[in-house]
Amino acid sequence: MYLTHRREDSYLQPDKFQPERFINCKYSHYEFLPFGGGSRQCLGQVFALFEMKLILATILFNHQLKLEEKVPVAPARRGFLMGPQGGVKMSLVVDNAR
């Protein structure tokens, strides 16, 4: 999965964090593998996507997020997964006018 998501023929600047690249693009089952593939696909895939959308929508509807450190983030292995090394520090901007 790591190598698939870094193919320059599928992704422009594959090592750069650009979540907006997924907005208007339809990738095939062989270009985007967030939950694995084939018979070893994650059992919780559908529920995980539902949870993610619900939680993000709730946070973004009620608050603004502020990036605390504007530094490049390196990927790190976490078992068989990948994630940002050291995390991404963000804070909630609370609007007391609501």
PDB file of N, CA and C in Angstrom:
ATOM      1  N   MET A   1       0.827  -1.192   0.000  1.00  0.00           N
ATOM      2  CA  MET A   1       0.000   0.000   0.000  1.00  0.00           C
ATOM      3  C   MET A   1       0.870   1.255   0.000  1.00  0.00           C
ATOM      4  N   TYR A   2       1.919   1.236   0.787  1.00  0.00           N
ATOM      5  CA  TYR A   2       2.811   2.401   0.873  1.00  0.00           C
ATOM      6  C   TYR A   2       3.371   2.744  -0.506  1.00  0.00           C
ATOM      7  N   LEU A   3       3.849   1.746  -1.224  1.00  0.00           N
ATOM      8  CA  LEU A   3       4.430   1.987  -2.546  1.00  0.00           C
ATOM      9  C   LEU A   3       3.367   2.382  -3.562  1.00  0.00           C
ATOM     10  N   THR A   4       2.189   1.795  -3.483  1.00  0.00           N
ATOM     11  CA  THR A   4       1.100   2.138  -4.405  1.00  0.00           C
ATOM     12  C   THR A   4       0.734   3.608  -4.277  1.00  0.00           C
ATOM     13  N   HIS A   5       0.666   4.111  -3.066  1.00  0.00           N
ATOM     14  CA  HIS A   5       0.264   5.500  -2.847  1.00  0.00           C
ATOM     15  C   HIS A   5       1.378   6.495  -3.143  1.00  0.00           C
ATOM     16  N   ARG A   6       2.547   6.012  -3.530  1.00  0.00           N
ATOM     17  CA  ARG A   6       3.653   6.898  -3.879  1.00  0.00           C
ATOM     18  C   ARG A   6       4.053   6.795  -5.346  1.00  0.00           C
ATOM     19  N   ARG A   7       3.176   6.248  -6.160  1.00  0.00           N
ATOM     20  CA  ARG A   7       3.447   6.149  -7.598  1.00  0.00           C
ATOM     21  C   ARG A   7       3.235   7.507  -8.252  1.00  0.00           C
ATOM     22  N   GLU A   8       4.269   8.009  -8.893  1.00  0.00           N
ATOM     23  CA  GLU A   8       4.175   9.328  -9.524  1.00  0.00           C
ATOM     24  C   GLU A   8       3.260   9.329 -10.738  1.00  0.00           C
ATOM     25  N   ASP A   9       3.016   8.154 -11.348  1.00  0.00           N
ATOM     26  CA  ASP A   9       2.100   8.111 -12.481  1.00  0.00           C
ATOM     27  C   ASP A   9       0.637   8.185 -12.024  1.00  0.00           C
ATOM     28  N   SER A  10       0.355   7.931 -10.742  1.00  0.00           N
ATOM     29  CA  SER A  10      -1.009   8.037 -10.213  1.00  0.00           C
ATOM     30  C   SER A  10      -1.218   9.305  -9.389  1.00  0.00           C
ATOM     31  N   TYR A  11      -0.161   9.750  -8.715  1.00  0.00           N
ATOM     32  CA  TYR A  11      -0.271  10.901  -7.817  1.00  0.00           C
ATOM     33  C   TYR A  11       0.810  11.919  -8.149  1.00  0.00           C
ATOM     34  N   LEU A  12       0.415  13.164  -8.432  1.00  0.00           N
ATOM     35  CA  LEU A  12       1.383  14.230  -8.603  1.00  0.00           C
ATOM     36  C   LEU A  12       1.962  14.561  -7.233  1.00  0.00           C
ATOM     37  N   GLN A  13       3.236  14.671  -7.138  1.00  0.00           N
ATOM     38  CA  GLN A  13       3.933  14.943  -5.876  1.00  0.00           C
ATOM     39  C   GLN A  13       3.428  13.991  -4.779  1.00  0.00           C
ATOM     40  N   PRO A  14       3.674  12.697  -4.929  1.00  0.00           N
ATOM     41  CA  PRO A  14       3.099  11.713  -4.008  1.00  0.00           C
ATOM     42  C   PRO A  14       3.573  11.830  -2.561  1.00  0.00           C
ATOM     43  N   ASP A  15       4.743  12.429  -2.328  1.00  0.00           N
ATOM     44  CA  ASP A  15       5.239  12.554  -0.951  1.00  0.00           C
ATOM     45  C   ASP A  15       4.734  13.803  -0.255  1.00  0.00           C
ATOM     46  N   LYS A  16       3.982  14.633  -0.952  1.00  0.00           N
ATOM     47  CA  LYS A  16       3.451  15.868  -0.369  1.00  0.00           C
ATOM     48  C   LYS A  16       2.036  15.624   0.149  1.00  0.00           C
ATOM     49  N   PHE A  17       1.750  16.090   1.355  1.00  0.00           N
ATOM     50  CA  PHE A  17       0.417  15.944   1.949  1.00  0.00           C
ATOM     51  C   PHE A  17      -0.545  16.891   1.249  1.00  0.00           C
ATOM     52  N   GLN A  18      -1.449  16.337   0.446  1.00  0.00           N
ATOM     53  CA  GLN A  18      -2.422  17.123  -0.307  1.00  0.00           C
ATOM     54  C   GLN A  18      -3.773  16.419  -0.272  1.00  0.00           C
ATOM     55  N   PRO A  19      -4.508  16.504   0.820  1.00  0.00           N
ATOM     56  CA  PRO A  19      -5.792  15.796   0.884  1.00  0.00           C
ATOM     57  C   PRO A  19      -6.793  16.252  -0.166  1.00  0.00           C
ATOM     58  N   GLU A  20      -6.636  17.474  -0.673  1.00  0.00           N
ATOM     59  CA  GLU A  20      -7.563  17.978  -1.687  1.00  0.00           C
ATOM     60  C   GLU A  20      -7.450  17.209  -3.001  1.00  0.00           C
ATOM     61  N   ARG A  21      -6.395  16.417  -3.179  1.00  0.00           N
ATOM     62  CA  ARG A  21      -6.239  15.641  -4.414  1.00  0.00           C
ATOM     63  C   ARG A  21      -7.352  14.613  -4.581  1.00  0.00           C
ATOM     64  N   PHE A  22      -8.047  14.267  -3.501  1.00  0.00           N
ATOM     65  CA  PHE A  22      -9.093  13.253  -3.564  1.00  0.00           C
ATOM     66  C   PHE A  22     -10.490  13.834  -3.821  1.00  0.00           C
ATOM     67  N   ILE A  23     -10.615  15.152  -3.836  1.00  0.00           N
ATOM     68  CA  ILE A  23     -11.934  15.785  -3.951  1.00  0.00           C
ATOM     69  C   ILE A  23     -12.606  15.469  -5.282  1.00  0.00           C
ATOM     70  N   ASN A  24     -11.970  15.732  -6.384  1.00  0.00           N
ATOM     71  CA  ASN A  24     -12.602  15.561  -7.698  1.00  0.00           C
ATOM     72  C   ASN A  24     -11.985  14.435  -8.506  1.00  0.00           C
ATOM     73  N   CYS A  25     -11.329  13.504  -7.852  1.00  0.00           N
ATOM     74  CA  CYS A  25     -10.664  12.425  -8.566  1.00  0.00           C
ATOM     75  C   CYS A  25     -11.254  11.083  -8.146  1.00  0.00           C
ATOM     76  N   LYS A  26     -11.474  10.229  -9.107  1.00  0.00           N
ATOM     77  CA  LYS A  26     -11.997   8.885  -8.853  1.00  0.00           C
ATOM     78  C   LYS A  26     -10.878   7.892  -9.143  1.00  0.00           C
ATOM     79  N   TYR A  27     -10.309   7.327  -8.074  1.00  0.00           N
ATOM     80  CA  TYR A  27      -9.231   6.361  -8.230  1.00  0.00           C
ATOM     81  C   TYR A  27      -9.803   4.957  -8.339  1.00  0.00           C
ATOM     82  N   SER A  28      -9.097   4.107  -9.063  1.00  0.00           N
ATOM     83  CA  SER A  28      -9.540   2.724  -9.194  1.00  0.00           C
ATOM     84  C   SER A  28      -9.180   1.943  -7.932  1.00  0.00           C
ATOM     85  N   HIS A  29      -9.643   0.709  -7.838  1.00  0.00           N
ATOM     86  CA  HIS A  29      -9.355  -0.141  -6.687  1.00  0.00           C
ATOM     87  C   HIS A  29      -7.872  -0.513  -6.613  1.00  0.00           C
ATOM     88  N   TYR A  30      -7.130  -0.238  -7.671  1.00  0.00           N
ATOM     89  CA  TYR A  30      -5.707  -0.577  -7.697  1.00  0.00           C
ATOM     90  C   TYR A  30      -4.816   0.639  -7.466  1.00  0.00           C
ATOM     91  N   GLU A  31      -5.423   1.832  -7.291  1.00  0.00           N
ATOM     92  CA  GLU A  31      -4.649   3.050  -7.080  1.00  0.00           C
ATOM     93  C   GLU A  31      -4.796   3.612  -5.668  1.00  0.00           C
ATOM     94  N   PHE A  32      -5.853   3.276  -4.967  1.00  0.00           N
ATOM     95  CA  PHE A  32      -6.116   3.828  -3.637  1.00  0.00           C
ATOM     96  C   PHE A  32      -6.563   2.694  -2.730  1.00  0.00           C
ATOM     97  N   LEU A  33      -5.752   2.378  -1.718  1.00  0.00           N
ATOM     98  CA  LEU A  33      -5.998   1.221  -0.854  1.00  0.00           C
ATOM     99  C   LEU A  33      -5.972   1.623   0.626  1.00  0.00           C
ATOM    100  N   PRO A  34      -6.907   2.426   1.095  1.00  0.00           N
ATOM    101  CA  PRO A  34      -6.833   2.880   2.483  1.00  0.00           C
ATOM    102  C   PRO A  34      -7.055   1.776   3.507  1.00  0.00           C
ATOM    103  N   PHE A  35      -7.723   0.686   3.146  1.00  0.00           N
ATOM    104  CA  PHE A  35      -8.027  -0.384   4.090  1.00  0.00           C
ATOM    105  C   PHE A  35      -7.501  -1.735   3.629  1.00  0.00           C
ATOM    106  N   GLY A  36      -6.468  -1.723   2.818  1.00  0.00           N
ATOM    107  CA  GLY A  36      -5.948  -2.993   2.299  1.00  0.00           C
ATOM    108  C   GLY A  36      -6.752  -3.416   1.085  1.00  0.00           C
ATOM    109  N   GLY A  37      -6.479  -4.613   0.618  1.00  0.00           N
ATOM    110  CA  GLY A  37      -7.180  -5.072  -0.565  1.00  0.00           C
ATOM    111  C   GLY A  37      -7.340  -6.572  -0.577  1.00  0.00           C
ATOM    112  N   GLY A  38      -8.135  -7.033  -1.504  1.00  0.00           N
ATOM    113  CA  GLY A  38      -8.339  -8.475  -1.661  1.00  0.00           C
ATOM    114  C   GLY A  38      -9.031  -9.096  -0.470  1.00  0.00           C
ATOM    115  N   SER A  39      -8.669 -10.340  -0.174  1.00  0.00           N
ATOM    116  CA  SER A  39      -9.330 -11.070   0.911  1.00  0.00           C
ATOM    117  C   SER A  39      -8.886 -10.583   2.288  1.00  0.00           C
ATOM    118  N   ARG A  40      -7.870  -9.760   2.355  1.00  0.00           N
ATOM    119  CA  ARG A  40      -7.380  -9.265   3.646  1.00  0.00           C
ATOM    120  C   ARG A  40      -7.832  -7.830   3.928  1.00  0.00           C
ATOM    121  N   GLN A  41      -8.938  -7.447   3.337  1.00  0.00           N
ATOM    122  CA  GLN A  41      -9.469  -6.102   3.540  1.00  0.00           C
ATOM    123  C   GLN A  41     -10.009  -5.956   4.962  1.00  0.00           C
ATOM    124  N   CYS A  42      -9.891  -4.776   5.509  1.00  0.00           N
ATOM    125  CA  CYS A  42     -10.309  -4.493   6.886  1.00  0.00           C
ATOM    126  C   CYS A  42     -11.803  -4.752   7.077  1.00  0.00           C
ATOM    127  N   LEU A  43     -12.141  -5.506   8.118  1.00  0.00           N
ATOM    128  CA  LEU A  43     -13.549  -5.802   8.409  1.00  0.00           C
ATOM    129  C   LEU A  43     -14.318  -4.563   8.846  1.00  0.00           C
ATOM    130  N   GLY A  44     -13.633  -3.617   9.463  1.00  0.00           N
ATOM    131  CA  GLY A  44     -14.306  -2.423   9.972  1.00  0.00           C
ATOM    132  C   GLY A  44     -14.300  -1.259   9.023  1.00  0.00           C
ATOM    133  N   GLN A  45     -14.002  -1.493   7.753  1.00  0.00           N
ATOM    134  CA  GLN A  45     -13.869  -0.414   6.776  1.00  0.00           C
ATOM    135  C   GLN A  45     -15.096   0.492   6.704  1.00  0.00           C
ATOM    136  N   VAL A  46     -16.264  -0.063   6.538  1.00  0.00           N
ATOM    137  CA  VAL A  46     -17.480   0.737   6.367  1.00  0.00           C
ATOM    138  C   VAL A  46     -17.775   1.534   7.633  1.00  0.00           C
ATOM    139  N   PHE A  47     -17.650   0.883   8.788  1.00  0.00           N
ATOM    140  CA  PHE A  47     -17.908   1.577  10.047  1.00  0.00           C
ATOM    141  C   PHE A  47     -16.855   2.660  10.302  1.00  0.00           C
ATOM    142  N   ALA A  48     -15.588   2.384   9.980  1.00  0.00           N
ATOM    143  CA  ALA A  48     -14.518   3.363  10.183  1.00  0.00           C
ATOM    144  C   ALA A  48     -14.758   4.613   9.335  1.00  0.00           C
ATOM    145  N   LEU A  49     -15.168   4.439   8.090  1.00  0.00           N
ATOM    146  CA  LEU A  49     -15.454   5.592   7.239  1.00  0.00           C
ATOM    147  C   LEU A  49     -16.647   6.385   7.761  1.00  0.00           C
ATOM    148  N   PHE A  50     -17.677   5.692   8.222  1.00  0.00           N
ATOM    149  CA  PHE A  50     -18.846   6.371   8.785  1.00  0.00           C
ATOM    150  C   PHE A  50     -18.444   7.166  10.024  1.00  0.00           C
ATOM    151  N   GLU A  51     -17.691   6.540  10.919  1.00  0.00           N
ATOM    152  CA  GLU A  51     -17.230   7.225  12.138  1.00  0.00           C
ATOM    153  C   GLU A  51     -16.394   8.452  11.809  1.00  0.00           C
ATOM    154  N   MET A  52     -15.477   8.297  10.860  1.00  0.00           N
ATOM    155  CA  MET A  52     -14.606   9.401  10.492  1.00  0.00           C
ATOM    156  C   MET A  52     -15.414  10.590   9.968  1.00  0.00           C
ATOM    157  N   LYS A  53     -16.364  10.328   9.090  1.00  0.00           N
ATOM    158  CA  LYS A  53     -17.181  11.402   8.533  1.00  0.00           C
ATOM    159  C   LYS A  53     -18.019  12.077   9.606  1.00  0.00           C
ATOM    160  N   LEU A  54     -18.591  11.291  10.504  1.00  0.00           N
ATOM    161  CA  LEU A  54     -19.423  11.839  11.562  1.00  0.00           C
ATOM    162  C   LEU A  54     -18.619  12.700  12.535  1.00  0.00           C
ATOM    163  N   ILE A  55     -17.467  12.198  12.955  1.00  0.00           N
ATOM    164  CA  ILE A  55     -16.635  12.938  13.901  1.00  0.00           C
ATOM    165  C   ILE A  55     -16.077  14.216  13.269  1.00  0.00           C
ATOM    166  N   LEU A  56     -15.556  14.112  12.048  1.00  0.00           N
ATOM    167  CA  LEU A  56     -15.023  15.302  11.385  1.00  0.00           C
ATOM    168  C   LEU A  56     -16.106  16.347  11.135  1.00  0.00           C
ATOM    169  N   ALA A  57     -17.271  15.903  10.704  1.00  0.00           N
ATOM    170  CA  ALA A  57     -18.365  16.845  10.453  1.00  0.00           C
ATOM    171  C   ALA A  57     -18.772  17.550  11.739  1.00  0.00           C
ATOM    172  N   THR A  58     -18.836  16.824  12.844  1.00  0.00           N
ATOM    173  CA  THR A  58     -19.205  17.416  14.132  1.00  0.00           C
ATOM    174  C   THR A  58     -18.173  18.445  14.575  1.00  0.00           C
ATOM    175  N   ILE A  59     -16.891  18.090  14.471  1.00  0.00           N
ATOM    176  CA  ILE A  59     -15.830  19.026  14.872  1.00  0.00           C
ATOM    177  C   ILE A  59     -15.827  20.259  13.982  1.00  0.00           C
ATOM    178  N   LEU A  60     -15.863  20.061  12.678  1.00  0.00           N
ATOM    179  CA  LEU A  60     -15.775  21.191  11.756  1.00  0.00           C
ATOM    180  C   LEU A  60     -17.020  22.066  11.765  1.00  0.00           C
ATOM    181  N   PHE A  61     -18.159  21.506  12.112  1.00  0.00           N
ATOM    182  CA  PHE A  61     -19.384  22.302  12.202  1.00  0.00           C
ATOM    183  C   PHE A  61     -19.343  23.215  13.428  1.00  0.00           C
ATOM    184  N   ASN A  62     -18.758  22.733  14.519  1.00  0.00           N
ATOM    185  CA  ASN A  62     -18.782  23.465  15.776  1.00  0.00           C
ATOM    186  C   ASN A  62     -17.535  24.293  16.066  1.00  0.00           C
ATOM    187  N   HIS A  63     -16.433  23.998  15.391  1.00  0.00           N
ATOM    188  CA  HIS A  63     -15.174  24.669  15.717  1.00  0.00           C
ATOM    189  C   HIS A  63     -14.341  24.889  14.469  1.00  0.00           C
ATOM    190  N   GLN A  64     -13.307  25.689  14.634  1.00  0.00           N
ATOM    191  CA  GLN A  64     -12.271  25.817  13.625  1.00  0.00           C
ATOM    192  C   GLN A  64     -11.020  25.161  14.185  1.00  0.00           C
ATOM    193  N   LEU A  65     -10.222  24.573  13.308  1.00  0.00           N
ATOM    194  CA  LEU A  65      -8.969  23.968  13.726  1.00  0.00           C
ATOM    195  C   LEU A  65      -7.821  24.881  13.348  1.00  0.00           C
ATOM    196  N   LYS A  66      -6.823  24.934  14.222  1.00  0.00           N
ATOM    197  CA  LYS A  66      -5.645  25.756  13.972  1.00  0.00           C
ATOM    198  C   LYS A  66      -4.410  24.876  14.047  1.00  0.00           C
ATOM    199  N   LEU A  67      -3.584  24.915  13.010  1.00  0.00           N
ATOM    200  CA  LEU A  67      -2.340  24.169  12.987  1.00  0.00           C
ATOM    201  C   LEU A  67      -1.348  24.881  13.901  1.00  0.00           C
ATOM    202  N   GLU A  68      -0.805  24.176  14.880  1.00  0.00           N
ATOM    203  CA  GLU A  68       0.077  24.790  15.872  1.00  0.00           C
ATOM    204  C   GLU A  68       1.518  24.915  15.397  1.00  0.00           C
ATOM    205  N   GLU A  69       2.006  23.949  14.651  1.00  0.00           N
ATOM    206  CA  GLU A  69       3.392  23.978  14.186  1.00  0.00           C
ATOM    207  C   GLU A  69       3.413  23.815  12.674  1.00  0.00           C
ATOM    208  N   LYS A  70       3.932  24.797  11.984  1.00  0.00           N
ATOM    209  CA  LYS A  70       3.988  24.735  10.524  1.00  0.00           C
ATOM    210  C   LYS A  70       5.348  24.193  10.089  1.00  0.00           C
ATOM    211  N   VAL A  71       5.528  22.904  10.334  1.00  0.00           N
ATOM    212  CA  VAL A  71       6.771  22.229   9.957  1.00  0.00           C
ATOM    213  C   VAL A  71       6.415  21.008   9.120  1.00  0.00           C
ATOM    214  N   PRO A  72       7.310  20.596   8.231  1.00  0.00           N
ATOM    215  CA  PRO A  72       7.042  19.379   7.446  1.00  0.00           C
ATOM    216  C   PRO A  72       6.894  18.167   8.359  1.00  0.00           C
ATOM    217  N   VAL A  73       6.003  17.269   7.997  1.00  0.00           N
ATOM    218  CA  VAL A  73       5.746  16.064   8.790  1.00  0.00           C
ATOM    219  C   VAL A  73       6.247  14.862   8.007  1.00  0.00           C
ATOM    220  N   ALA A  74       7.073  14.063   8.659  1.00  0.00           N
ATOM    221  CA  ALA A  74       7.608  12.859   8.019  1.00  0.00           C
ATOM    222  C   ALA A  74       6.719  11.666   8.344  1.00  0.00           C
ATOM    223  N   PRO A  75       6.532  10.752   7.384  1.00  0.00           N
ATOM    224  CA  PRO A  75       5.748   9.548   7.674  1.00  0.00           C
ATOM    225  C   PRO A  75       6.539   8.587   8.556  1.00  0.00           C
ATOM    226  N   ALA A  76       5.833   7.847   9.385  1.00  0.00           N
ATOM    227  CA  ALA A  76       6.456   6.851  10.246  1.00  0.00           C
ATOM    228  C   ALA A  76       5.596   5.599  10.253  1.00  0.00           C
ATOM    229  N   ARG A  77       6.244   4.458  10.353  1.00  0.00           N
ATOM    230  CA  ARG A  77       5.511   3.193  10.421  1.00  0.00           C
ATOM    231  C   ARG A  77       4.981   2.991  11.824  1.00  0.00           C
ATOM    232  N   ARG A  78       3.746   2.545  11.918  1.00  0.00           N
ATOM    233  CA  ARG A  78       3.113   2.181  13.179  1.00  0.00           C
ATOM    234  C   ARG A  78       2.569   0.773  12.991  1.00  0.00           C
ATOM    235  N   GLY A  79       3.412  -0.215  13.292  1.00  0.00           N
ATOM    236  CA  GLY A  79       3.032  -1.591  12.988  1.00  0.00           C
ATOM    237  C   GLY A  79       3.000  -1.754  11.484  1.00  0.00           C
ATOM    238  N   PHE A  80       1.854  -2.107  10.941  1.00  0.00           N
ATOM    239  CA  PHE A  80       1.732  -2.222   9.495  1.00  0.00           C
ATOM    240  C   PHE A  80       1.054  -0.993   8.894  1.00  0.00           C
ATOM    241  N   LEU A  81       0.816   0.031   9.695  1.00  0.00           N
ATOM    242  CA  LEU A  81       0.189   1.266   9.232  1.00  0.00           C
ATOM    243  C   LEU A  81       1.216   2.380   9.110  1.00  0.00           C
ATOM    244  N   MET A  82       0.826   3.467   8.474  1.00  0.00           N
ATOM    245  CA  MET A  82       1.663   4.654   8.375  1.00  0.00           C
ATOM    246  C   MET A  82       0.923   5.810   9.032  1.00  0.00           C
ATOM    247  N   GLY A  83       1.685   6.698   9.651  1.00  0.00           N
ATOM    248  CA  GLY A  83       1.100   7.875  10.266  1.00  0.00           C
ATOM    249  C   GLY A  83       2.143   8.960  10.376  1.00  0.00           C
ATOM    250  N   PRO A  84       1.736  10.155  10.770  1.00  0.00           N
ATOM    251  CA  PRO A  84       2.704  11.244  10.895  1.00  0.00           C
ATOM    252  C   PRO A  84       3.634  11.009  12.086  1.00  0.00           C
ATOM    253  N   GLN A  85       4.935  11.144  11.855  1.00  0.00           N
ATOM    254  CA  GLN A  85       5.911  10.953  12.930  1.00  0.00           C
ATOM    255  C   GLN A  85       5.776  12.089  13.939  1.00  0.00           C
ATOM    256  N   GLY A  86       5.512  11.739  15.178  1.00  0.00           N
ATOM    257  CA  GLY A  86       5.350  12.747  16.218  1.00  0.00           C
ATOM    258  C   GLY A  86       3.978  13.396  16.243  1.00  0.00           C
ATOM    259  N   GLY A  87       3.089  12.993  15.354  1.00  0.00           N
ATOM    260  CA  GLY A  87       1.736  13.550  15.331  1.00  0.00           C
ATOM    261  C   GLY A  87       1.670  14.902  14.646  1.00  0.00           C
ATOM    262  N   VAL A  88       0.485  15.454  14.571  1.00  0.00           N
ATOM    263  CA  VAL A  88       0.254  16.780  14.012  1.00  0.00           C
ATOM    264  C   VAL A  88      -0.457  17.573  15.095  1.00  0.00           C
ATOM    265  N   LYS A  89       0.207  18.605  15.595  1.00  0.00           N
ATOM    266  CA  LYS A  89      -0.349  19.379  16.699  1.00  0.00           C
ATOM    267  C   LYS A  89      -1.324  20.426  16.177  1.00  0.00           C
ATOM    268  N   MET A  90      -2.574  20.310  16.650  1.00  0.00           N
ATOM    269  CA  MET A  90      -3.621  21.244  16.261  1.00  0.00           C
ATOM    270  C   MET A  90      -4.375  21.650  17.513  1.00  0.00           C
ATOM    271  N   SER A  91      -5.086  22.753  17.421  1.00  0.00           N
ATOM    272  CA  SER A  91      -5.925  23.171  18.547  1.00  0.00           C
ATOM    273  C   SER A  91      -7.270  23.622  18.003  1.00  0.00           C
ATOM    274  N   LEU A  92      -8.255  23.608  18.892  1.00  0.00           N
ATOM    275  CA  LEU A  92      -9.591  24.071  18.541  1.00  0.00           C
ATOM    276  C   LEU A  92      -9.694  25.561  18.805  1.00  0.00           C
ATOM    277  N   VAL A  93     -10.229  26.282  17.848  1.00  0.00           N
ATOM    278  CA  VAL A  93     -10.505  27.701  18.041  1.00  0.00           C
ATOM    279  C   VAL A  93     -11.967  27.787  18.439  1.00  0.00           C
ATOM    280  N   VAL A  94     -12.223  28.068  19.691  1.00  0.00           N
ATOM    281  CA  VAL A  94     -13.584  28.058  20.225  1.00  0.00           C
ATOM    282  C   VAL A  94     -14.227  29.413  19.968  1.00  0.00           C
ATOM    283  N   ASP A  95     -15.415  29.371  19.374  1.00  0.00           N
ATOM    284  CA  ASP A  95     -16.188  30.597  19.111  1.00  0.00           C
ATOM    285  C   ASP A  95     -17.254  30.702  20.196  1.00  0.00           C
ATOM    286  N   ASN A  96     -17.060  31.600  21.141  1.00  0.00           N
ATOM    287  CA  ASN A  96     -17.995  31.740  22.263  1.00  0.00           C
ATOM    288  C   ASN A  96     -19.281  32.456  21.868  1.00  0.00           C
ATOM    289  N   ALA A  97     -19.361  32.975  20.653  1.00  0.00           N
ATOM    290  CA  ALA A  97     -20.549  33.694  20.202  1.00  0.00           C
ATOM    291  C   ALA A  97     -21.692  32.749  19.838  1.00  0.00           C
ATOM    292  N   ARG A  98     -21.430  31.471  19.697  1.00  0.00           N
ATOM    293  CA  ARG A  98     -22.466  30.517  19.281  1.00  0.00           C
ATOM    294  C   ARG A  98     -23.412  30.211  20.395  1.00  0.00           C
TER     295      ARG A  98
END
